[in-house]
Amino acid sequence: MPVEDASLAAVTSPAPTATIVLPCYNEEAHVLLEIQRITKVMDDDGMPYELLAIDDCSTDDTLAVLRSVEADYPHLRVVGFRRNGGSGTVRRIGTQMARGEIVVWTDADMSYENERIPELVRVLLEDDSYDQVVGARTTEEGTHKALRVPAKFVIRKVAEVLAHQRIPDLNSGLRAFRREVSLPYLRLLPAGFSCVTTITLSFLCNQHDIKYVPTTYAKRAGTSKFHFTKDAYRYILQVLRMIMYFEPLRVLMPLALFLFGLGFVKGVVDMVRHPFYFPANTVLLLVSGLLIGAVALLADLVVRSRDDGARTRDDGARSREDAA
């Protein structure tokens, strides 16, 4: 995606430890407060960092506000998209542009506990067994709260069953992860809000350990871009898509066995009641089970033979030990 970024020419400063990717879309009223909050906590901590503020073609003066203060913050890099790409696109490109070994995702709406960013980063720096740290929200303060809470609970439980992992917060926007580990999965990120769901499941399905740190969650500043019906539907599709991408047998084989088993039992009953007579619906159940099972095995074969550069946690730990 074309971008406007005068600061990208010849970056000569030493590489930072952490890169904080801050998507900005129509946040003019409070984006400066968020930048001040993040830079203060990072400056007080003393960790080398860069703050990558990416304007996603805002229709207000968000980009102008960012440009006006860029010179005042030595660690701030401002990027402006020429067309709107969505939160997932911003985070993907921001991660690709990051110079830090640790990438932090957060939002510019004052909702997340960004004072704890140094804590999240240091978990990864001090413990090689984790590849991602997620700020797990203990409360829900978003819009459509009465609908979001049960919907997110159901989606999270479906993801836990399919991924065989406990997931305290599936789609928290506050997280830190190793950039090198994330690179093979960036191409999987959708353009919308479900990008955080995708990066969570990508790590879990490839045996990358994730640590969950309880955090608070405040009511967002400004207007929410979340659309309940559309985005909830996308969350469900993305969960199923990611499991199909990494573990298709977990999705398809139970359905195949159920249909085949139901057809087999019904066939036995039909034979007892009407010898040598198989109704069409019995044949349909048996054939459907066999076809779905064959597709599941074929999909699993494709997954096992695919080489997309994904590494397991042990491979990543081994590489870091060799580099040390």
C-alpha atoms as a PDB file:
ATOM      1  CA  MET A   1       0.000   0.000   0.000  1.00  0.00           C
ATOM      2  CA  PRO A   2       1.447   3.438  -0.894  1.00  0.00           C
ATOM      3  CA  VAL A   3       2.435   5.498   2.109  1.00  0.00           C
ATOM      4  CA  GLU A   4       3.688   8.977   2.787  1.00  0.00           C
ATOM      5  CA  ASP A   5       6.560   8.918   5.266  1.00  0.00           C
ATOM      6  CA  ALA A   6       9.343  11.459   5.159  1.00  0.00           C
ATOM      7  CA  SER A   7      11.041   9.854   8.150  1.00  0.00           C
ATOM      8  CA  LEU A   8      11.709   6.574   6.333  1.00  0.00           C
ATOM      9  CA  ALA A   9      14.639   7.950   4.362  1.00  0.00           C
ATOM     10  CA  ALA A  10      17.966   6.763   5.692  1.00  0.00           C
ATOM     11  CA  VAL A  11      17.262   5.742   9.269  1.00  0.00           C
ATOM     12  CA  THR A  12      20.684   5.805  10.859  1.00  0.00           C
ATOM     13  CA  SER A  13      19.859   5.592  14.562  1.00  0.00           C
ATOM     14  CA  PRO A  14      20.582   2.335  16.428  1.00  0.00           C
ATOM     15  CA  ALA A  15      17.883  -0.316  16.187  1.00  0.00           C
ATOM     16  CA  PRO A  16      15.400  -0.059  19.076  1.00  0.00           C
ATOM     17  CA  THR A  17      14.495  -2.943  21.339  1.00  0.00           C
ATOM     18  CA  ALA A  18      10.759  -2.437  20.855  1.00  0.00           C
ATOM     19  CA  THR A  19       8.576  -0.992  18.128  1.00  0.00           C
ATOM     20  CA  ILE A  20       5.121   0.183  19.186  1.00  0.00           C
ATOM     21  CA  VAL A  21       2.681   0.102  16.273  1.00  0.00           C
ATOM     22  CA  LEU A  22      -0.132   2.608  16.820  1.00  0.00           C
ATOM     23  CA  PRO A  23      -2.965   2.528  14.231  1.00  0.00           C
ATOM     24  CA  CYS A  24      -4.715   5.889  13.964  1.00  0.00           C
ATOM     25  CA  TYR A  25      -8.027   6.470  12.207  1.00  0.00           C
ATOM     26  CA  ASN A  26     -10.066   9.583  12.998  1.00  0.00           C
ATOM     27  CA  GLU A  27      -8.456  10.042  16.407  1.00  0.00           C
ATOM     28  CA  GLU A  28      -7.562  13.763  16.182  1.00  0.00           C
ATOM     29  CA  ALA A  29      -9.157  14.675  19.514  1.00  0.00           C
ATOM     30  CA  HIS A  30      -7.037  12.342  21.641  1.00  0.00           C
ATOM     31  CA  VAL A  31      -4.171  10.884  19.598  1.00  0.00           C
ATOM     32  CA  LEU A  32      -1.738  13.436  21.043  1.00  0.00           C
ATOM     33  CA  LEU A  33      -2.711  12.414  24.588  1.00  0.00           C
ATOM     34  CA  GLU A  34      -2.032   8.772  23.698  1.00  0.00           C
ATOM     35  CA  ILE A  35       1.356   9.606  22.220  1.00  0.00           C
ATOM     36  CA  GLN A  36       2.264  11.605  25.329  1.00  0.00           C
ATOM     37  CA  ARG A  37       1.183   8.736  27.570  1.00  0.00           C
ATOM     38  CA  ILE A  38       3.184   6.111  25.656  1.00  0.00           C
ATOM     39  CA  THR A  39       6.346   8.190  25.219  1.00  0.00           C
ATOM     40  CA  LYS A  40       6.374   9.188  28.898  1.00  0.00           C
ATOM     41  CA  VAL A  41       6.219   5.620  30.189  1.00  0.00           C
ATOM     42  CA  MET A  42       8.799   4.422  27.673  1.00  0.00           C
ATOM     43  CA  ASP A  43      11.162   7.347  28.354  1.00  0.00           C
ATOM     44  CA  ASP A  44      10.838   6.799  32.104  1.00  0.00           C
ATOM     45  CA  ASP A  45      11.677   3.111  31.630  1.00  0.00           C
ATOM     46  CA  GLY A  46      14.771   3.869  29.542  1.00  0.00           C
ATOM     47  CA  MET A  47      14.217   1.041  27.049  1.00  0.00           C
ATOM     48  CA  PRO A  48      15.292   1.834  23.457  1.00  0.00           C
ATOM     49  CA  TYR A  49      12.097   2.091  21.427  1.00  0.00           C
ATOM     50  CA  GLU A  50      10.328   3.624  18.465  1.00  0.00           C
ATOM     51  CA  LEU A  51       6.688   4.650  18.248  1.00  0.00           C
ATOM     52  CA  LEU A  52       5.290   4.031  14.769  1.00  0.00           C
ATOM     53  CA  ALA A  53       2.074   6.055  14.395  1.00  0.00           C
ATOM     54  CA  ILE A  54       0.271   5.079  11.185  1.00  0.00           C
ATOM     55  CA  ASP A  55      -2.645   7.179   9.954  1.00  0.00           C
ATOM     56  CA  ASP A  56      -5.073   4.973   8.021  1.00  0.00           C
ATOM     57  CA  CYS A  57      -6.262   7.721   5.655  1.00  0.00           C
ATOM     58  CA  SER A  58      -8.300   9.507   8.321  1.00  0.00           C
ATOM     59  CA  THR A  59     -11.093  11.828   7.205  1.00  0.00           C
ATOM     60  CA  ASP A  60     -10.337  14.287  10.015  1.00  0.00           C
ATOM     61  CA  ASP A  61      -7.077  16.048  10.952  1.00  0.00           C
ATOM     62  CA  THR A  62      -5.407  13.094  12.656  1.00  0.00           C
ATOM     63  CA  LEU A  63      -2.469  13.057  10.228  1.00  0.00           C
ATOM     64  CA  ALA A  64      -1.986  16.820  10.569  1.00  0.00           C
ATOM     65  CA  VAL A  65      -1.860  16.489  14.352  1.00  0.00           C
ATOM     66  CA  LEU A  66       0.716  13.701  14.067  1.00  0.00           C
ATOM     67  CA  ARG A  67       2.871  15.657  11.618  1.00  0.00           C
ATOM     68  CA  SER A  68       2.748  18.756  13.825  1.00  0.00           C
ATOM     69  CA  VAL A  69       4.314  16.958  16.802  1.00  0.00           C
ATOM     70  CA  GLU A  70       6.617  14.520  15.008  1.00  0.00           C
ATOM     71  CA  ALA A  71       9.651  16.768  15.452  1.00  0.00           C
ATOM     72  CA  ASP A  72       8.963  17.093  19.190  1.00  0.00           C
ATOM     73  CA  TYR A  73       9.263  13.357  19.859  1.00  0.00           C
ATOM     74  CA  PRO A  74      12.593  11.853  18.738  1.00  0.00           C
ATOM     75  CA  HIS A  75      11.257   8.284  18.948  1.00  0.00           C
ATOM     76  CA  LEU A  76       8.116   8.996  16.907  1.00  0.00           C
ATOM     77  CA  ARG A  77       7.807   7.961  13.254  1.00  0.00           C
ATOM     78  CA  VAL A  78       4.669   9.041  11.408  1.00  0.00           C
ATOM     79  CA  VAL A  79       3.338   7.200   8.363  1.00  0.00           C
ATOM     80  CA  GLY A  80       0.316   8.282   6.330  1.00  0.00           C
ATOM     81  CA  PHE A  81      -1.646   5.857   4.134  1.00  0.00           C
ATOM     82  CA  ARG A  82      -3.086   7.267   0.925  1.00  0.00           C
ATOM     83  CA  ARG A  83      -6.137   5.008   1.181  1.00  0.00           C
ATOM     84  CA  ASN A  84      -7.890   3.268   4.038  1.00  0.00           C
ATOM     85  CA  GLY A  85      -6.649  -0.286   4.573  1.00  0.00           C
ATOM     86  CA  GLY A  86      -8.179  -1.307   7.891  1.00  0.00           C
ATOM     87  CA  SER A  87      -6.723  -2.052  11.298  1.00  0.00           C
ATOM     88  CA  GLY A  88      -5.233  -5.374  10.195  1.00  0.00           C
ATOM     89  CA  THR A  89      -3.453  -3.819   7.231  1.00  0.00           C
ATOM     90  CA  VAL A  90      -1.995  -1.100   9.451  1.00  0.00           C
ATOM     91  CA  ARG A  91      -0.682  -3.630  11.941  1.00  0.00           C
ATOM     92  CA  ARG A  92       0.735  -5.886   9.234  1.00  0.00           C
ATOM     93  CA  ILE A  93       2.621  -3.102   7.466  1.00  0.00           C
ATOM     94  CA  GLY A  94       3.697  -1.596  10.781  1.00  0.00           C
ATOM     95  CA  THR A  95       5.157  -4.931  11.875  1.00  0.00           C
ATOM     96  CA  GLN A  96       6.996  -5.274   8.563  1.00  0.00           C
ATOM     97  CA  MET A  97       8.407  -1.758   8.941  1.00  0.00           C
ATOM     98  CA  ALA A  98       9.389  -2.259  12.590  1.00  0.00           C
ATOM     99  CA  ARG A  99      13.068  -2.058  13.486  1.00  0.00           C
ATOM    100  CA  GLY A 100      12.691  -3.491  16.992  1.00  0.00           C
ATOM    101  CA  GLU A 101      13.037  -7.170  17.826  1.00  0.00           C
ATOM    102  CA  ILE A 102       9.840  -6.892  19.889  1.00  0.00           C
ATOM    103  CA  VAL A 103       6.669  -5.479  18.305  1.00  0.00           C
ATOM    104  CA  VAL A 104       3.878  -4.040  20.430  1.00  0.00           C
ATOM    105  CA  TRP A 105       0.330  -3.604  19.149  1.00  0.00           C
ATOM    106  CA  THR A 106      -2.039  -1.215  20.875  1.00  0.00           C
ATOM    107  CA  ASP A 107      -4.765   1.309  20.025  1.00  0.00           C
ATOM    108  CA  ALA A 108      -4.913   5.095  20.038  1.00  0.00           C
ATOM    109  CA  ASP A 109      -8.340   5.360  21.691  1.00  0.00           C
ATOM    110  CA  MET A 110      -7.173   5.588  25.340  1.00  0.00           C
ATOM    111  CA  SER A 111      -8.837   2.256  26.196  1.00  0.00           C
ATOM    112  CA  TYR A 112      -5.812   0.030  26.834  1.00  0.00           C
ATOM    113  CA  GLU A 113      -3.443   0.168  29.781  1.00  0.00           C
ATOM    114  CA  ASN A 114      -0.456   1.379  27.749  1.00  0.00           C
ATOM    115  CA  GLU A 115       1.477   2.215  30.913  1.00  0.00           C
ATOM    116  CA  ARG A 116       2.257  -1.508  31.075  1.00  0.00           C
ATOM    117  CA  ILE A 117       3.921  -1.755  27.671  1.00  0.00           C
ATOM    118  CA  PRO A 118       7.447  -1.933  29.183  1.00  0.00           C
ATOM    119  CA  GLU A 119       6.263  -4.784  31.423  1.00  0.00           C
ATOM    120  CA  LEU A 120       4.971  -6.769  28.456  1.00  0.00           C
ATOM    121  CA  VAL A 121       8.191  -6.255  26.505  1.00  0.00           C
ATOM    122  CA  ARG A 122      10.404  -7.281  29.416  1.00  0.00           C
ATOM    123  CA  VAL A 123       8.536 -10.564  29.809  1.00  0.00           C
ATOM    124  CA  LEU A 124       9.794 -11.515  26.343  1.00  0.00           C
ATOM    125  CA  LEU A 125      13.278 -10.153  26.934  1.00  0.00           C
ATOM    126  CA  GLU A 126      13.699 -12.049  30.185  1.00  0.00           C
ATOM    127  CA  ASP A 127      11.943 -15.325  29.316  1.00  0.00           C
ATOM    128  CA  ASP A 128      12.742 -17.054  26.013  1.00  0.00           C
ATOM    129  CA  SER A 129       9.972 -19.615  26.552  1.00  0.00           C
ATOM    130  CA  TYR A 130       7.300 -17.085  25.530  1.00  0.00           C
ATOM    131  CA  ASP A 131       6.908 -15.641  22.045  1.00  0.00           C
ATOM    132  CA  GLN A 132       3.922 -13.408  22.771  1.00  0.00           C
ATOM    133  CA  VAL A 133       2.453 -11.566  25.754  1.00  0.00           C
ATOM    134  CA  VAL A 134      -1.182 -10.468  25.694  1.00  0.00           C
ATOM    135  CA  GLY A 135      -2.875  -7.929  27.927  1.00  0.00           C
ATOM    136  CA  ALA A 136      -5.959  -9.959  28.875  1.00  0.00           C
ATOM    137  CA  ARG A 137      -8.821  -7.621  29.671  1.00  0.00           C
ATOM    138  CA  THR A 138     -10.722  -8.269  32.875  1.00  0.00           C
ATOM    139  CA  THR A 139     -13.699  -6.080  31.912  1.00  0.00           C
ATOM    140  CA  GLU A 140     -15.650  -5.205  28.758  1.00  0.00           C
ATOM    141  CA  GLU A 141     -16.174  -1.506  28.153  1.00  0.00           C
ATOM    142  CA  GLY A 142     -16.787  -1.477  24.403  1.00  0.00           C
ATOM    143  CA  THR A 143     -19.922  -0.417  22.553  1.00  0.00           C
ATOM    144  CA  HIS A 144     -22.890  -2.844  22.295  1.00  0.00           C
ATOM    145  CA  LYS A 145     -21.737  -4.325  25.605  1.00  0.00           C
ATOM    146  CA  ALA A 146     -24.899  -6.411  26.129  1.00  0.00           C
ATOM    147  CA  LEU A 147     -24.318  -8.120  22.791  1.00  0.00           C
ATOM    148  CA  ARG A 148     -20.518  -8.210  22.685  1.00  0.00           C
ATOM    149  CA  VAL A 149     -19.988  -9.995  26.005  1.00  0.00           C
ATOM    150  CA  PRO A 150     -21.979 -13.182  25.192  1.00  0.00           C
ATOM    151  CA  ALA A 151     -20.864 -13.165  21.543  1.00  0.00           C
ATOM    152  CA  LYS A 152     -17.174 -12.878  22.419  1.00  0.00           C
ATOM    153  CA  PHE A 153     -17.570 -15.545  25.112  1.00  0.00           C
ATOM    154  CA  VAL A 154     -19.024 -18.027  22.626  1.00  0.00           C
ATOM    155  CA  ILE A 155     -16.385 -17.252  19.985  1.00  0.00           C
ATOM    156  CA  ARG A 156     -13.603 -17.589  22.557  1.00  0.00           C
ATOM    157  CA  LYS A 157     -14.917 -20.941  23.756  1.00  0.00           C
ATOM    158  CA  VAL A 158     -15.136 -22.219  20.183  1.00  0.00           C
ATOM    159  CA  ALA A 159     -11.542 -21.142  19.628  1.00  0.00           C
ATOM    160  CA  GLU A 160     -10.445 -22.864  22.853  1.00  0.00           C
ATOM    161  CA  VAL A 161     -12.074 -26.143  21.840  1.00  0.00           C
ATOM    162  CA  LEU A 162     -10.616 -26.056  18.353  1.00  0.00           C
ATOM    163  CA  ALA A 163      -7.142 -24.917  19.429  1.00  0.00           C
ATOM    164  CA  HIS A 164      -7.056 -27.149  22.559  1.00  0.00           C
ATOM    165  CA  GLN A 165      -5.789 -24.159  24.526  1.00  0.00           C
ATOM    166  CA  ARG A 166      -7.203 -21.914  27.228  1.00  0.00           C
ATOM    167  CA  ILE A 167      -7.501 -18.391  25.835  1.00  0.00           C
ATOM    168  CA  PRO A 168      -8.372 -15.754  28.473  1.00  0.00           C
ATOM    169  CA  ASP A 169      -8.669 -12.991  25.846  1.00  0.00           C
ATOM    170  CA  LEU A 170      -8.843 -13.926  22.170  1.00  0.00           C
ATOM    171  CA  ASN A 171      -8.899 -10.476  20.618  1.00  0.00           C
ATOM    172  CA  SER A 172      -7.135  -8.055  22.935  1.00  0.00           C
ATOM    173  CA  GLY A 173      -5.542  -5.188  21.030  1.00  0.00           C
ATOM    174  CA  LEU A 174      -2.693  -4.838  23.537  1.00  0.00           C
ATOM    175  CA  ARG A 175       0.053  -7.381  22.945  1.00  0.00           C
ATOM    176  CA  ALA A 176       3.804  -7.757  22.442  1.00  0.00           C
ATOM    177  CA  PHE A 177       5.488 -10.458  20.369  1.00  0.00           C
ATOM    178  CA  ARG A 178       8.773 -11.374  18.731  1.00  0.00           C
ATOM    179  CA  ARG A 179       8.863  -9.821  15.268  1.00  0.00           C
ATOM    180  CA  GLU A 180      10.925 -12.647  13.774  1.00  0.00           C
ATOM    181  CA  VAL A 181       8.421 -15.265  14.926  1.00  0.00           C
ATOM    182  CA  SER A 182       5.456 -13.313  13.554  1.00  0.00           C
ATOM    183  CA  LEU A 183       6.773 -12.740  10.025  1.00  0.00           C
ATOM    184  CA  PRO A 184       5.504 -16.035   8.480  1.00  0.00           C
ATOM    185  CA  TYR A 185       1.989 -15.287   9.752  1.00  0.00           C
ATOM    186  CA  LEU A 186       1.623 -11.662   8.666  1.00  0.00           C
ATOM    187  CA  ARG A 187       0.293 -12.661   5.259  1.00  0.00           C
ATOM    188  CA  LEU A 188      -2.626 -14.363   7.030  1.00  0.00           C
ATOM    189  CA  LEU A 189      -3.821 -11.185   8.727  1.00  0.00           C
ATOM    190  CA  PRO A 190      -7.190  -9.906   7.489  1.00  0.00           C
ATOM    191  CA  ALA A 191      -7.749  -6.198   6.992  1.00  0.00           C
ATOM    192  CA  GLY A 192     -10.210  -5.770   9.855  1.00  0.00           C
ATOM    193  CA  PHE A 193     -10.363  -6.141  13.629  1.00  0.00           C
ATOM    194  CA  SER A 194     -10.014  -9.942  13.533  1.00  0.00           C
ATOM    195  CA  CYS A 195      -6.284  -9.524  12.859  1.00  0.00           C
ATOM    196  CA  VAL A 196      -5.653  -9.847  16.612  1.00  0.00           C
ATOM    197  CA  THR A 197      -7.635 -13.093  16.672  1.00  0.00           C
ATOM    198  CA  THR A 198      -5.542 -14.339  13.760  1.00  0.00           C
ATOM    199  CA  ILE A 199      -2.161 -13.595  15.343  1.00  0.00           C
ATOM    200  CA  THR A 200      -3.304 -15.308  18.557  1.00  0.00           C
ATOM    201  CA  LEU A 201      -4.388 -18.502  16.817  1.00  0.00           C
ATOM    202  CA  SER A 202      -1.370 -18.461  14.497  1.00  0.00           C
ATOM    203  CA  PHE A 203       0.961 -18.591  17.483  1.00  0.00           C
ATOM    204  CA  LEU A 204      -1.075 -21.152  19.434  1.00  0.00           C
ATOM    205  CA  CYS A 205      -1.540 -23.528  16.494  1.00  0.00           C
ATOM    206  CA  ASN A 206       2.220 -23.528  15.886  1.00  0.00           C
ATOM    207  CA  GLN A 207       3.185 -24.229  19.511  1.00  0.00           C
ATOM    208  CA  HIS A 208       4.396 -20.712  20.280  1.00  0.00           C
ATOM    209  CA  ASP A 209       3.710 -20.088  23.955  1.00  0.00           C
ATOM    210  CA  ILE A 210       1.620 -17.047  24.892  1.00  0.00           C
ATOM    211  CA  LYS A 211       1.519 -15.463  28.328  1.00  0.00           C
ATOM    212  CA  TYR A 212      -1.617 -13.621  29.414  1.00  0.00           C
ATOM    213  CA  VAL A 213      -1.261 -10.670  31.776  1.00  0.00           C
ATOM    214  CA  PRO A 214      -4.484  -9.299  33.350  1.00  0.00           C
ATOM    215  CA  THR A 215      -5.085  -5.660  32.409  1.00  0.00           C
ATOM    216  CA  THR A 216      -7.833  -3.111  32.785  1.00  0.00           C
ATOM    217  CA  TYR A 217      -9.850  -1.798  29.869  1.00  0.00           C
ATOM    218  CA  ALA A 218     -11.341   1.692  29.824  1.00  0.00           C
ATOM    219  CA  LYS A 219     -14.176   3.127  27.784  1.00  0.00           C
ATOM    220  CA  ARG A 220     -12.709   4.291  24.490  1.00  0.00           C
ATOM    221  CA  ALA A 221     -12.352   7.944  23.536  1.00  0.00           C
ATOM    222  CA  GLY A 222     -14.046   9.084  20.345  1.00  0.00           C
ATOM    223  CA  THR A 223     -16.345   6.970  18.179  1.00  0.00           C
ATOM    224  CA  SER A 224     -16.008   3.191  17.903  1.00  0.00           C
ATOM    225  CA  LYS A 225     -15.374   1.709  14.457  1.00  0.00           C
ATOM    226  CA  PHE A 226     -16.693  -1.680  15.568  1.00  0.00           C
ATOM    227  CA  HIS A 227     -19.848  -2.922  13.801  1.00  0.00           C
ATOM    228  CA  PHE A 228     -21.338  -5.724  15.865  1.00  0.00           C
ATOM    229  CA  THR A 229     -23.065  -7.848  13.229  1.00  0.00           C
ATOM    230  CA  LYS A 230     -20.422  -7.559  10.530  1.00  0.00           C
ATOM    231  CA  ASP A 231     -17.371  -7.846  12.770  1.00  0.00           C
ATOM    232  CA  ALA A 232     -18.764 -10.658  14.958  1.00  0.00           C
ATOM    233  CA  TYR A 233     -19.459 -12.662  11.796  1.00  0.00           C
ATOM    234  CA  ARG A 234     -15.896 -11.999  10.624  1.00  0.00           C
ATOM    235  CA  TYR A 235     -14.501 -13.142  13.988  1.00  0.00           C
ATOM    236  CA  ILE A 236     -16.287 -16.489  13.703  1.00  0.00           C
ATOM    237  CA  LEU A 237     -15.150 -16.986  10.110  1.00  0.00           C
ATOM    238  CA  GLN A 238     -11.575 -16.095  11.012  1.00  0.00           C
ATOM    239  CA  VAL A 239     -11.453 -18.568  13.902  1.00  0.00           C
ATOM    240  CA  LEU A 240     -12.659 -21.380  11.641  1.00  0.00           C
ATOM    241  CA  ARG A 241     -10.371 -20.275   8.816  1.00  0.00           C
ATOM    242  CA  MET A 242      -7.276 -20.273  11.009  1.00  0.00           C
ATOM    243  CA  ILE A 243      -7.998 -23.695  12.476  1.00  0.00           C
ATOM    244  CA  MET A 244      -8.637 -25.010   8.965  1.00  0.00           C
ATOM    245  CA  TYR A 245      -5.325 -23.525   7.874  1.00  0.00           C
ATOM    246  CA  PHE A 246      -3.335 -25.177  10.655  1.00  0.00           C
ATOM    247  CA  GLU A 247      -5.478 -28.115  11.924  1.00  0.00           C
ATOM    248  CA  PRO A 248      -8.179 -29.043   9.358  1.00  0.00           C
ATOM    249  CA  LEU A 249      -8.762 -32.483  10.921  1.00  0.00           C
ATOM    250  CA  ARG A 250     -10.087 -30.810  14.075  1.00  0.00           C
ATOM    251  CA  VAL A 251     -12.846 -29.118  12.077  1.00  0.00           C
ATOM    252  CA  LEU A 252     -13.755 -31.632   9.387  1.00  0.00           C
ATOM    253  CA  MET A 253     -13.083 -35.082  10.832  1.00  0.00           C
ATOM    254  CA  PRO A 254     -15.582 -34.892  13.741  1.00  0.00           C
ATOM    255  CA  LEU A 255     -18.293 -33.898  11.259  1.00  0.00           C
ATOM    256  CA  ALA A 256     -17.263 -36.689   8.875  1.00  0.00           C
ATOM    257  CA  LEU A 257     -17.305 -39.316  11.628  1.00  0.00           C
ATOM    258  CA  PHE A 258     -20.648 -38.078  12.924  1.00  0.00           C
ATOM    259  CA  LEU A 259     -22.317 -38.265   9.510  1.00  0.00           C
ATOM    260  CA  PHE A 260     -20.798 -41.634   8.682  1.00  0.00           C
ATOM    261  CA  GLY A 261     -21.680 -43.056  12.105  1.00  0.00           C
ATOM    262  CA  LEU A 262     -25.231 -41.745  11.850  1.00  0.00           C
ATOM    263  CA  GLY A 263     -25.549 -43.243   8.373  1.00  0.00           C
ATOM    264  CA  PHE A 264     -24.134 -46.582   9.549  1.00  0.00           C
ATOM    265  CA  VAL A 265     -26.538 -46.830  12.497  1.00  0.00           C
ATOM    266  CA  LYS A 266     -29.451 -45.819  10.309  1.00  0.00           C
ATOM    267  CA  GLY A 267     -28.375 -48.396   7.711  1.00  0.00           C
ATOM    268  CA  VAL A 268     -28.392 -51.168  10.323  1.00  0.00           C
ATOM    269  CA  VAL A 269     -31.853 -50.110  11.492  1.00  0.00           C
ATOM    270  CA  ASP A 270     -33.070 -49.973   7.897  1.00  0.00           C
ATOM    271  CA  MET A 271     -31.693 -53.475   7.208  1.00  0.00           C
ATOM    272  CA  VAL A 272     -33.474 -54.861  10.261  1.00  0.00           C
ATOM    273  CA  ARG A 273     -36.757 -53.200   9.374  1.00  0.00           C
ATOM    274  CA  HIS A 274     -36.538 -53.671   5.583  1.00  0.00           C
ATOM    275  CA  PRO A 275     -33.895 -56.254   4.563  1.00  0.00           C
ATOM    276  CA  PHE A 276     -31.721 -55.282   1.578  1.00  0.00           C
ATOM    277  CA  TYR A 277     -33.323 -51.843   1.318  1.00  0.00           C
ATOM    278  CA  PHE A 278     -31.266 -48.676   1.739  1.00  0.00           C
ATOM    279  CA  PRO A 279     -33.217 -45.401   1.606  1.00  0.00           C
ATOM    280  CA  ALA A 280     -31.635 -42.527  -0.301  1.00  0.00           C
ATOM    281  CA  ASN A 281     -31.083 -40.482   2.885  1.00  0.00           C
ATOM    282  CA  THR A 282     -29.037 -43.310   4.421  1.00  0.00           C
ATOM    283  CA  VAL A 283     -26.806 -43.471   1.359  1.00  0.00           C
ATOM    284  CA  LEU A 284     -26.502 -39.671   1.423  1.00  0.00           C
ATOM    285  CA  LEU A 285     -25.314 -39.725   5.056  1.00  0.00           C
ATOM    286  CA  LEU A 286     -22.712 -42.412   4.361  1.00  0.00           C
ATOM    287  CA  VAL A 287     -21.406 -40.761   1.199  1.00  0.00           C
ATOM    288  CA  SER A 288     -21.318 -37.313   2.842  1.00  0.00           C
ATOM    289  CA  GLY A 289     -19.282 -38.681   5.737  1.00  0.00           C
ATOM    290  CA  LEU A 290     -16.829 -40.389   3.380  1.00  0.00           C
ATOM    291  CA  LEU A 291     -16.444 -37.302   1.186  1.00  0.00           C
ATOM    292  CA  ILE A 292     -15.898 -34.900   4.097  1.00  0.00           C
ATOM    293  CA  GLY A 293     -13.432 -37.353   5.668  1.00  0.00           C
ATOM    294  CA  ALA A 294     -11.511 -37.590   2.390  1.00  0.00           C
ATOM    295  CA  VAL A 295     -11.388 -33.800   2.116  1.00  0.00           C
ATOM    296  CA  ALA A 296     -10.181 -33.589   5.735  1.00  0.00           C
ATOM    297  CA  LEU A 297      -7.342 -36.045   5.099  1.00  0.00           C
ATOM    298  CA  LEU A 298      -6.377 -34.277   1.873  1.00  0.00           C
ATOM    299  CA  ALA A 299      -6.397 -30.875   3.589  1.00  0.00           C
ATOM    300  CA  ASP A 300      -4.284 -32.241   6.427  1.00  0.00           C
ATOM    301  CA  LEU A 301      -1.821 -33.669   3.884  1.00  0.00           C
ATOM    302  CA  VAL A 302      -1.518 -30.239   2.259  1.00  0.00           C
ATOM    303  CA  VAL A 303      -0.932 -28.598   5.654  1.00  0.00           C
ATOM    304  CA  ARG A 304       1.736 -31.142   6.631  1.00  0.00           C
ATOM    305  CA  SER A 305       3.577 -30.791   3.326  1.00  0.00           C
ATOM    306  CA  ARG A 306       3.426 -26.984   3.271  1.00  0.00           C
ATOM    307  CA  ASP A 307       6.623 -25.097   4.025  1.00  0.00           C
ATOM    308  CA  ASP A 308       5.613 -21.541   4.861  1.00  0.00           C
ATOM    309  CA  GLY A 309       8.569 -20.725   7.086  1.00  0.00           C
ATOM    310  CA  ALA A 310       6.628 -21.280  10.290  1.00  0.00           C
ATOM    311  CA  ARG A 311       8.738 -22.297  13.248  1.00  0.00           C
ATOM    312  CA  THR A 312       7.793 -24.171  16.363  1.00  0.00           C
ATOM    313  CA  ARG A 313       8.639 -22.773  19.761  1.00  0.00           C
ATOM    314  CA  ASP A 314      11.583 -25.162  20.118  1.00  0.00           C
ATOM    315  CA  ASP A 315      13.012 -24.109  16.750  1.00  0.00           C
ATOM    316  CA  GLY A 316      12.714 -20.476  17.745  1.00  0.00           C
ATOM    317  CA  ALA A 317      14.379 -21.075  21.098  1.00  0.00           C
ATOM    318  CA  ARG A 318      17.178 -22.992  19.411  1.00  0.00           C
ATOM    319  CA  SER A 319      17.796 -20.167  16.964  1.00  0.00           C
ATOM    320  CA  ARG A 320      17.947 -17.618  19.749  1.00  0.00           C
ATOM    321  CA  GLU A 321      20.406 -19.793  21.664  1.00  0.00           C
ATOM    322  CA  ASP A 322      22.619 -20.120  18.579  1.00  0.00           C
ATOM    323  CA  ALA A 323      22.534 -16.356  18.053  1.00  0.00           C
ATOM    324  CA  ALA A 324      23.533 -15.777  21.666  1.00  0.00           C
END
